[in-house]
Amino acid sequence: MQNHSIQVIGLQKSYKQLQVLKGVDFEVEKGSIFALLGSNGAGKTTVVKILTTLLKPDSGTVTVHGFNVVSKPEHVRQVISLTGQFAAVDEILTGRENLIMISKLRHLKNPHQVADELLKRFGLTDAADRRVSTYSGGMRRRLDIALSLVGKPQIIFFDEPTTGLDPESRIEVWKIVKELSDGGTTVFLTTQYLEEAEQLADQIAILHEGRIIANGTLSELKMLFPSPKVEYVEKQPTLEEIFLAIVGKKEDK
């Protein structure tokens, strides 16, 4: 049995005359946290849309959980979940009603039990019967992630999941992501917060001008960074410094 949840080979995508992805290659191991980094407009969301069958690639081979996203999109959708940049929750409904609705849409046998378990897991039991319009930003994001776990998907895509959250809520989301990975779920993460990738990711890929220009563990990426000058204390480079150095080198060429 292959050990990869996602395989991408030669992925290309253009919008009219603009080529956004110019031959993207990477693999994501099962049960790992994979972070895709890139500046705004680098094509991160385009990659996520193709992987989640929302957009068709122009060329290349993309498989998710062993299924080709073009020829077997319905199989892909059954094993994935997507949480976008903004919480996709119904504000008129209560937290409980949101979870029951999604459970029914996924044809689960015990929607009320599923809702109760997820409300408890995400610390939302006390607010379960309040309208979501009364929730704080952190609570909405927790509910949004809870909704994405209905049906226990094999792979979860988080497209900039902590955008707009306060530091406390962001750390809460980090904890949830780590727990998912520890439980065997594959997590694919795009983020503009480099500290987020540094804290969470088993593997990090940097997307720049339509191509993956660096890919590896944090330790491997640190090896691409010039050795620190030792004066009094050796300073290890942060992921932000590595990212800027790698992107800068490409732009110089």
C-alpha atoms as a PDB file:
ATOM      1  CA  MET A   1       0.000   0.000   0.000  1.00  0.00           C
ATOM      2  CA  GLN A   2       1.431   3.369  -0.988  1.00  0.00           C
ATOM      3  CA  ASN A   3       2.357   5.729   1.809  1.00  0.00           C
ATOM      4  CA  HIS A   4       1.238   8.908   0.060  1.00  0.00           C
ATOM      5  CA  SER A   5      -2.106  10.636   0.573  1.00  0.00           C
ATOM      6  CA  ILE A   6      -1.448  13.122  -2.217  1.00  0.00           C
ATOM      7  CA  GLN A   7       0.747  12.955  -5.327  1.00  0.00           C
ATOM      8  CA  VAL A   8       1.110  15.863  -7.741  1.00  0.00           C
ATOM      9  CA  ILE A   9       3.178  15.545 -10.923  1.00  0.00           C
ATOM     10  CA  GLY A  10       3.648  18.297 -13.540  1.00  0.00           C
ATOM     11  CA  LEU A  11       0.571  20.285 -12.466  1.00  0.00           C
ATOM     12  CA  GLN A  12      -0.177  23.246 -14.742  1.00  0.00           C
ATOM     13  CA  LYS A  13      -3.009  25.757 -14.695  1.00  0.00           C
ATOM     14  CA  SER A  14      -3.631  28.999 -16.569  1.00  0.00           C
ATOM     15  CA  TYR A  15      -6.321  31.661 -16.356  1.00  0.00           C
ATOM     16  CA  LYS A  16      -6.676  33.083 -19.886  1.00  0.00           C
ATOM     17  CA  GLN A  17      -3.161  34.360 -20.699  1.00  0.00           C
ATOM     18  CA  LEU A  18      -1.790  34.093 -17.159  1.00  0.00           C
ATOM     19  CA  GLN A  19      -0.036  30.828 -16.273  1.00  0.00           C
ATOM     20  CA  VAL A  20      -0.451  30.419 -12.518  1.00  0.00           C
ATOM     21  CA  LEU A  21       1.022  26.922 -12.081  1.00  0.00           C
ATOM     22  CA  LYS A  22       3.966  26.009 -14.316  1.00  0.00           C
ATOM     23  CA  GLY A  23       4.683  22.380 -13.455  1.00  0.00           C
ATOM     24  CA  VAL A  24       4.164  21.738  -9.755  1.00  0.00           C
ATOM     25  CA  ASP A  25       5.428  18.490  -8.189  1.00  0.00           C
ATOM     26  CA  PHE A  26       5.113  17.261  -4.598  1.00  0.00           C
ATOM     27  CA  GLU A  27       3.971  14.343  -2.443  1.00  0.00           C
ATOM     28  CA  VAL A  28       2.252  14.310   0.941  1.00  0.00           C
ATOM     29  CA  GLU A  29       2.729  11.371   3.296  1.00  0.00           C
ATOM     30  CA  LYS A  30      -0.245   9.832   5.067  1.00  0.00           C
ATOM     31  CA  GLY A  31      -0.917  11.193   8.543  1.00  0.00           C
ATOM     32  CA  SER A  32       1.488  14.115   8.101  1.00  0.00           C
ATOM     33  CA  ILE A  33       1.008  17.884   8.202  1.00  0.00           C
ATOM     34  CA  PHE A  34       2.077  19.420   4.882  1.00  0.00           C
ATOM     35  CA  ALA A  35       2.395  23.202   4.623  1.00  0.00           C
ATOM     36  CA  LEU A  36       2.335  25.015   1.286  1.00  0.00           C
ATOM     37  CA  LEU A  37       3.862  28.465   1.577  1.00  0.00           C
ATOM     38  CA  GLY A  38       3.896  31.296  -0.904  1.00  0.00           C
ATOM     39  CA  SER A  39       3.323  35.004  -1.307  1.00  0.00           C
ATOM     40  CA  ASN A  40      -0.142  36.322  -2.125  1.00  0.00           C
ATOM     41  CA  GLY A  41      -0.923  35.371  -5.726  1.00  0.00           C
ATOM     42  CA  ALA A  42       1.608  32.526  -5.774  1.00  0.00           C
ATOM     43  CA  GLY A  43      -1.107  29.997  -6.632  1.00  0.00           C
ATOM     44  CA  LYS A  44      -1.675  28.302  -3.249  1.00  0.00           C
ATOM     45  CA  THR A  45      -5.474  28.490  -3.407  1.00  0.00           C
ATOM     46  CA  THR A  46      -5.430  27.293  -7.041  1.00  0.00           C
ATOM     47  CA  VAL A  47      -3.524  24.189  -5.916  1.00  0.00           C
ATOM     48  CA  VAL A  48      -6.065  23.566  -3.146  1.00  0.00           C
ATOM     49  CA  LYS A  49      -9.013  24.009  -5.531  1.00  0.00           C
ATOM     50  CA  ILE A  50      -7.528  21.441  -7.936  1.00  0.00           C
ATOM     51  CA  LEU A  51      -6.769  18.955  -5.149  1.00  0.00           C
ATOM     52  CA  THR A  52     -10.336  19.274  -3.833  1.00  0.00           C
ATOM     53  CA  THR A  53     -11.936  18.891  -7.325  1.00  0.00           C
ATOM     54  CA  LEU A  54     -13.255  22.472  -7.423  1.00  0.00           C
ATOM     55  CA  LEU A  55     -11.063  23.280 -10.424  1.00  0.00           C
ATOM     56  CA  LYS A  56      -9.700  21.138 -13.267  1.00  0.00           C
ATOM     57  CA  PRO A  57      -5.985  21.206 -14.083  1.00  0.00           C
ATOM     58  CA  ASP A  58      -4.810  22.014 -17.605  1.00  0.00           C
ATOM     59  CA  SER A  59      -2.244  19.209 -17.449  1.00  0.00           C
ATOM     60  CA  GLY A  60      -0.386  16.991 -15.024  1.00  0.00           C
ATOM     61  CA  THR A  61      -1.384  14.084 -12.805  1.00  0.00           C
ATOM     62  CA  VAL A  62      -3.026  14.691  -9.436  1.00  0.00           C
ATOM     63  CA  THR A  63      -4.094  11.835  -7.152  1.00  0.00           C
ATOM     64  CA  VAL A  64      -5.702  12.163  -3.727  1.00  0.00           C
ATOM     65  CA  HIS A  65      -5.998   9.034  -1.565  1.00  0.00           C
ATOM     66  CA  GLY A  66      -5.182   7.024  -4.682  1.00  0.00           C
ATOM     67  CA  PHE A  67      -7.956   8.595  -6.785  1.00  0.00           C
ATOM     68  CA  ASN A  68      -7.345  10.785  -9.842  1.00  0.00           C
ATOM     69  CA  VAL A  69      -9.020  14.158  -9.252  1.00  0.00           C
ATOM     70  CA  VAL A  70     -10.116  14.448 -12.910  1.00  0.00           C
ATOM     71  CA  SER A  71     -11.401  10.930 -13.617  1.00  0.00           C
ATOM     72  CA  LYS A  72     -12.739  10.088 -10.130  1.00  0.00           C
ATOM     73  CA  PRO A  73     -13.697  13.388  -8.454  1.00  0.00           C
ATOM     74  CA  GLU A  74     -16.654  11.818  -6.597  1.00  0.00           C
ATOM     75  CA  HIS A  75     -14.302   9.307  -4.930  1.00  0.00           C
ATOM     76  CA  VAL A  76     -11.972  12.138  -3.886  1.00  0.00           C
ATOM     77  CA  ARG A  77     -14.840  14.126  -2.346  1.00  0.00           C
ATOM     78  CA  GLN A  78     -15.833  11.179  -0.172  1.00  0.00           C
ATOM     79  CA  VAL A  79     -12.457  11.102   1.623  1.00  0.00           C
ATOM     80  CA  ILE A  80     -11.637  14.824   1.956  1.00  0.00           C
ATOM     81  CA  SER A  81     -12.841  17.922   3.716  1.00  0.00           C
ATOM     82  CA  LEU A  82     -12.042  21.573   2.977  1.00  0.00           C
ATOM     83  CA  THR A  83     -11.937  24.487   5.397  1.00  0.00           C
ATOM     84  CA  GLY A  84     -11.467  27.793   3.584  1.00  0.00           C
ATOM     85  CA  GLN A  85     -10.144  31.171   4.672  1.00  0.00           C
ATOM     86  CA  PHE A  86     -13.522  32.266   6.020  1.00  0.00           C
ATOM     87  CA  ALA A  87     -15.787  30.243   8.290  1.00  0.00           C
ATOM     88  CA  ALA A  88     -18.469  28.539   6.165  1.00  0.00           C
ATOM     89  CA  VAL A  89     -21.158  28.369   8.825  1.00  0.00           C
ATOM     90  CA  ASP A  90     -24.853  29.286   8.724  1.00  0.00           C
ATOM     91  CA  GLU A  91     -25.225  32.212  11.121  1.00  0.00           C
ATOM     92  CA  ILE A  92     -29.014  31.875  11.369  1.00  0.00           C
ATOM     93  CA  LEU A  93     -28.742  28.320  12.730  1.00  0.00           C
ATOM     94  CA  THR A  94     -27.337  27.324  16.114  1.00  0.00           C
ATOM     95  CA  GLY A  95     -24.032  25.508  16.410  1.00  0.00           C
ATOM     96  CA  ARG A  96     -25.866  22.240  17.035  1.00  0.00           C
ATOM     97  CA  GLU A  97     -28.171  22.749  14.032  1.00  0.00           C
ATOM     98  CA  ASN A  98     -25.179  23.409  11.757  1.00  0.00           C
ATOM     99  CA  LEU A  99     -23.573  20.119  12.789  1.00  0.00           C
ATOM    100  CA  ILE A 100     -26.804  18.123  12.490  1.00  0.00           C
ATOM    101  CA  MET A 101     -27.440  19.559   9.009  1.00  0.00           C
ATOM    102  CA  ILE A 102     -23.980  18.544   7.724  1.00  0.00           C
ATOM    103  CA  SER A 103     -24.291  15.111   9.360  1.00  0.00           C
ATOM    104  CA  LYS A 104     -27.565  14.544   7.524  1.00  0.00           C
ATOM    105  CA  LEU A 105     -26.059  15.739   4.235  1.00  0.00           C
ATOM    106  CA  ARG A 106     -23.299  13.158   4.737  1.00  0.00           C
ATOM    107  CA  HIS A 107     -25.998  10.516   5.391  1.00  0.00           C
ATOM    108  CA  LEU A 108     -24.702   9.619   8.858  1.00  0.00           C
ATOM    109  CA  LYS A 109     -26.906   7.365  11.004  1.00  0.00           C
ATOM    110  CA  ASN A 110     -26.785   9.338  14.277  1.00  0.00           C
ATOM    111  CA  PRO A 111     -26.578  13.062  13.407  1.00  0.00           C
ATOM    112  CA  HIS A 112     -27.562  14.220  16.924  1.00  0.00           C
ATOM    113  CA  GLN A 113     -24.910  12.032  18.551  1.00  0.00           C
ATOM    114  CA  VAL A 114     -22.270  13.197  16.060  1.00  0.00           C
ATOM    115  CA  ALA A 115     -23.185  16.821  16.821  1.00  0.00           C
ATOM    116  CA  ASP A 116     -22.981  16.304  20.585  1.00  0.00           C
ATOM    117  CA  GLU A 117     -19.566  14.613  20.349  1.00  0.00           C
ATOM    118  CA  LEU A 118     -18.073  17.366  18.169  1.00  0.00           C
ATOM    119  CA  LEU A 119     -19.569  20.164  20.288  1.00  0.00           C
ATOM    120  CA  LYS A 120     -17.909  18.616  23.332  1.00  0.00           C
ATOM    121  CA  ARG A 121     -14.587  18.060  21.557  1.00  0.00           C
ATOM    122  CA  PHE A 122     -14.396  21.680  20.434  1.00  0.00           C
ATOM    123  CA  GLY A 123     -15.580  23.250  23.677  1.00  0.00           C
ATOM    124  CA  LEU A 124     -18.847  24.510  22.211  1.00  0.00           C
ATOM    125  CA  THR A 125     -21.380  22.607  24.334  1.00  0.00           C
ATOM    126  CA  ASP A 126     -22.395  25.676  26.371  1.00  0.00           C
ATOM    127  CA  ALA A 127     -22.957  27.664  23.164  1.00  0.00           C
ATOM    128  CA  ALA A 128     -24.560  24.773  21.243  1.00  0.00           C
ATOM    129  CA  ASP A 129     -28.071  26.221  21.190  1.00  0.00           C
ATOM    130  CA  ARG A 130     -27.105  29.821  20.487  1.00  0.00           C
ATOM    131  CA  ARG A 131     -27.270  31.270  16.997  1.00  0.00           C
ATOM    132  CA  VAL A 132     -23.861  31.285  15.335  1.00  0.00           C
ATOM    133  CA  SER A 133     -24.286  35.029  14.683  1.00  0.00           C
ATOM    134  CA  THR A 134     -23.569  35.504  18.426  1.00  0.00           C
ATOM    135  CA  TYR A 135     -20.277  33.534  18.308  1.00  0.00           C
ATOM    136  CA  SER A 136     -16.843  35.118  18.511  1.00  0.00           C
ATOM    137  CA  GLY A 137     -14.393  34.713  15.612  1.00  0.00           C
ATOM    138  CA  GLY A 138     -12.546  31.936  17.429  1.00  0.00           C
ATOM    139  CA  MET A 139     -15.774  30.073  18.194  1.00  0.00           C
ATOM    140  CA  ARG A 140     -16.906  30.300  14.563  1.00  0.00           C
ATOM    141  CA  ARG A 141     -13.582  28.905  13.386  1.00  0.00           C
ATOM    142  CA  ARG A 142     -13.807  26.039  15.908  1.00  0.00           C
ATOM    143  CA  LEU A 143     -17.323  25.253  14.671  1.00  0.00           C
ATOM    144  CA  ASP A 144     -16.123  25.480  11.063  1.00  0.00           C
ATOM    145  CA  ILE A 145     -13.383  22.932  11.762  1.00  0.00           C
ATOM    146  CA  ALA A 146     -15.864  20.722  13.653  1.00  0.00           C
ATOM    147  CA  LEU A 147     -18.110  20.770  10.558  1.00  0.00           C
ATOM    148  CA  SER A 148     -15.160  19.681   8.417  1.00  0.00           C
ATOM    149  CA  LEU A 149     -14.646  16.625  10.669  1.00  0.00           C
ATOM    150  CA  VAL A 150     -18.182  15.292  10.233  1.00  0.00           C
ATOM    151  CA  GLY A 151     -17.845  11.850   8.645  1.00  0.00           C
ATOM    152  CA  LYS A 152     -14.169  11.509   9.681  1.00  0.00           C
ATOM    153  CA  PRO A 153     -12.446  12.424   6.387  1.00  0.00           C
ATOM    154  CA  GLN A 154      -9.031  10.902   5.606  1.00  0.00           C
ATOM    155  CA  ILE A 155      -7.546  14.199   4.388  1.00  0.00           C
ATOM    156  CA  ILE A 156      -8.371  17.722   5.545  1.00  0.00           C
ATOM    157  CA  PHE A 157      -7.432  20.826   3.590  1.00  0.00           C
ATOM    158  CA  PHE A 158      -7.007  24.067   5.524  1.00  0.00           C
ATOM    159  CA  ASP A 159      -6.670  27.119   3.272  1.00  0.00           C
ATOM    160  CA  GLU A 160      -5.215  29.810   5.557  1.00  0.00           C
ATOM    161  CA  PRO A 161      -7.284  28.620   8.559  1.00  0.00           C
ATOM    162  CA  THR A 162      -6.127  31.258  11.054  1.00  0.00           C
ATOM    163  CA  THR A 163      -6.444  34.375   8.891  1.00  0.00           C
ATOM    164  CA  GLY A 164      -8.038  37.124  10.963  1.00  0.00           C
ATOM    165  CA  LEU A 165      -7.907  35.229  14.261  1.00  0.00           C
ATOM    166  CA  ASP A 166      -6.428  36.637  17.459  1.00  0.00           C
ATOM    167  CA  PRO A 167      -3.272  34.919  18.819  1.00  0.00           C
ATOM    168  CA  GLU A 168      -5.201  32.876  21.396  1.00  0.00           C
ATOM    169  CA  SER A 169      -7.644  31.511  18.807  1.00  0.00           C
ATOM    170  CA  ARG A 170      -4.755  30.820  16.430  1.00  0.00           C
ATOM    171  CA  ILE A 171      -3.015  28.666  19.048  1.00  0.00           C
ATOM    172  CA  GLU A 172      -6.317  26.825  19.603  1.00  0.00           C
ATOM    173  CA  VAL A 173      -6.464  25.967  15.889  1.00  0.00           C
ATOM    174  CA  TRP A 174      -2.806  24.820  15.969  1.00  0.00           C
ATOM    175  CA  LYS A 175      -3.657  22.425  18.788  1.00  0.00           C
ATOM    176  CA  ILE A 176      -6.593  20.986  16.809  1.00  0.00           C
ATOM    177  CA  VAL A 177      -4.432  20.495  13.695  1.00  0.00           C
ATOM    178  CA  LYS A 178      -1.777  18.634  15.714  1.00  0.00           C
ATOM    179  CA  GLU A 179      -4.436  16.410  17.301  1.00  0.00           C
ATOM    180  CA  LEU A 180      -5.838  15.534  13.866  1.00  0.00           C
ATOM    181  CA  SER A 181      -2.416  14.520  12.598  1.00  0.00           C
ATOM    182  CA  ASP A 182      -1.688  12.522  15.761  1.00  0.00           C
ATOM    183  CA  GLY A 183      -4.924  10.643  15.109  1.00  0.00           C
ATOM    184  CA  GLY A 184      -3.806   9.636  11.608  1.00  0.00           C
ATOM    185  CA  THR A 185      -5.550  12.318   9.535  1.00  0.00           C
ATOM    186  CA  THR A 186      -3.512  13.901   6.743  1.00  0.00           C
ATOM    187  CA  VAL A 187      -3.528  17.698   6.975  1.00  0.00           C
ATOM    188  CA  PHE A 188      -2.771  19.926   3.965  1.00  0.00           C
ATOM    189  CA  LEU A 189      -2.253  23.508   5.095  1.00  0.00           C
ATOM    190  CA  THR A 190      -1.726  26.747   3.227  1.00  0.00           C
ATOM    191  CA  THR A 191      -0.727  29.719   5.323  1.00  0.00           C
ATOM    192  CA  GLN A 192       0.687  33.199   5.107  1.00  0.00           C
ATOM    193  CA  TYR A 193       1.947  32.939   8.687  1.00  0.00           C
ATOM    194  CA  LEU A 194       5.402  31.385   8.479  1.00  0.00           C
ATOM    195  CA  GLU A 195       5.480  30.773  12.232  1.00  0.00           C
ATOM    196  CA  GLU A 196       2.399  28.592  11.738  1.00  0.00           C
ATOM    197  CA  ALA A 197       4.230  26.297   9.316  1.00  0.00           C
ATOM    198  CA  GLU A 198       7.273  26.312  11.579  1.00  0.00           C
ATOM    199  CA  GLN A 199       5.174  25.154  14.546  1.00  0.00           C
ATOM    200  CA  LEU A 200       3.001  22.588  12.756  1.00  0.00           C
ATOM    201  CA  ALA A 201       4.423  21.167   9.553  1.00  0.00           C
ATOM    202  CA  ASP A 202       6.241  17.876   9.077  1.00  0.00           C
ATOM    203  CA  GLN A 203       7.015  18.967   5.526  1.00  0.00           C
ATOM    204  CA  ILE A 204       7.126  22.431   3.968  1.00  0.00           C
ATOM    205  CA  ALA A 205       6.984  23.374   0.280  1.00  0.00           C
ATOM    206  CA  ILE A 206       7.528  26.894  -1.046  1.00  0.00           C
ATOM    207  CA  LEU A 207       5.521  27.871  -4.138  1.00  0.00           C
ATOM    208  CA  HIS A 208       7.002  30.783  -6.071  1.00  0.00           C
ATOM    209  CA  GLU A 209       6.105  32.039  -9.555  1.00  0.00           C
ATOM    210  CA  GLY A 210       4.189  28.876 -10.363  1.00  0.00           C
ATOM    211  CA  ARG A 211       6.763  26.316  -9.249  1.00  0.00           C
ATOM    212  CA  ILE A 212       7.867  24.552  -6.063  1.00  0.00           C
ATOM    213  CA  ILE A 213      11.321  26.029  -5.439  1.00  0.00           C
ATOM    214  CA  ALA A 214      12.034  24.295  -2.111  1.00  0.00           C
ATOM    215  CA  ASN A 215      10.534  21.250  -0.408  1.00  0.00           C
ATOM    216  CA  GLY A 216      11.530  19.407   2.743  1.00  0.00           C
ATOM    217  CA  THR A 217      11.462  19.345   6.515  1.00  0.00           C
ATOM    218  CA  LEU A 218      12.272  22.497   8.467  1.00  0.00           C
ATOM    219  CA  SER A 219      15.720  21.048   9.217  1.00  0.00           C
ATOM    220  CA  GLU A 220      16.327  20.399   5.511  1.00  0.00           C
ATOM    221  CA  LEU A 221      15.241  23.921   4.570  1.00  0.00           C
ATOM    222  CA  LYS A 222      17.561  25.370   7.213  1.00  0.00           C
ATOM    223  CA  MET A 223      20.454  23.687   5.413  1.00  0.00           C
ATOM    224  CA  LEU A 224      19.679  25.858   2.356  1.00  0.00           C
ATOM    225  CA  PHE A 225      20.253  28.960   4.463  1.00  0.00           C
ATOM    226  CA  PRO A 226      23.822  30.308   4.766  1.00  0.00           C
ATOM    227  CA  SER A 227      25.577  29.208   7.961  1.00  0.00           C
ATOM    228  CA  PRO A 228      25.117  31.789  10.709  1.00  0.00           C
ATOM    229  CA  LYS A 229      28.074  33.980  11.565  1.00  0.00           C
ATOM    230  CA  VAL A 230      29.274  33.069  15.017  1.00  0.00           C
ATOM    231  CA  GLU A 231      30.132  36.099  17.091  1.00  0.00           C
ATOM    232  CA  TYR A 232      28.895  35.526  20.617  1.00  0.00           C
ATOM    233  CA  VAL A 233      25.774  33.372  20.139  1.00  0.00           C
ATOM    234  CA  GLU A 234      24.888  31.298  17.102  1.00  0.00           C
ATOM    235  CA  LYS A 235      21.442  32.288  15.834  1.00  0.00           C
ATOM    236  CA  GLN A 236      19.398  29.664  14.017  1.00  0.00           C
ATOM    237  CA  PRO A 237      17.470  31.086  11.038  1.00  0.00           C
ATOM    238  CA  THR A 238      13.707  31.338  11.341  1.00  0.00           C
ATOM    239  CA  LEU A 239      11.485  29.928   8.605  1.00  0.00           C
ATOM    240  CA  GLU A 240      10.678  33.526   7.636  1.00  0.00           C
ATOM    241  CA  GLU A 241      14.371  34.247   6.976  1.00  0.00           C
ATOM    242  CA  ILE A 242      14.716  30.995   4.988  1.00  0.00           C
ATOM    243  CA  PHE A 243      11.610  31.786   2.926  1.00  0.00           C
ATOM    244  CA  LEU A 244      12.782  35.303   2.066  1.00  0.00           C
ATOM    245  CA  ALA A 245      16.296  34.093   1.223  1.00  0.00           C
ATOM    246  CA  ILE A 246      15.033  31.337  -1.107  1.00  0.00           C
ATOM    247  CA  VAL A 247      12.479  33.562  -2.854  1.00  0.00           C
ATOM    248  CA  GLY A 248      15.071  36.340  -3.138  1.00  0.00           C
ATOM    249  CA  LYS A 249      17.586  34.020  -4.816  1.00  0.00           C
ATOM    250  CA  LYS A 250      15.000  33.005  -7.427  1.00  0.00           C
ATOM    251  CA  GLU A 251      14.112  36.618  -8.155  1.00  0.00           C
ATOM    252  CA  ASP A 252      17.799  37.547  -8.558  1.00  0.00           C
ATOM    253  CA  LYS A 253      18.161  34.896 -11.251  1.00  0.00           C
END
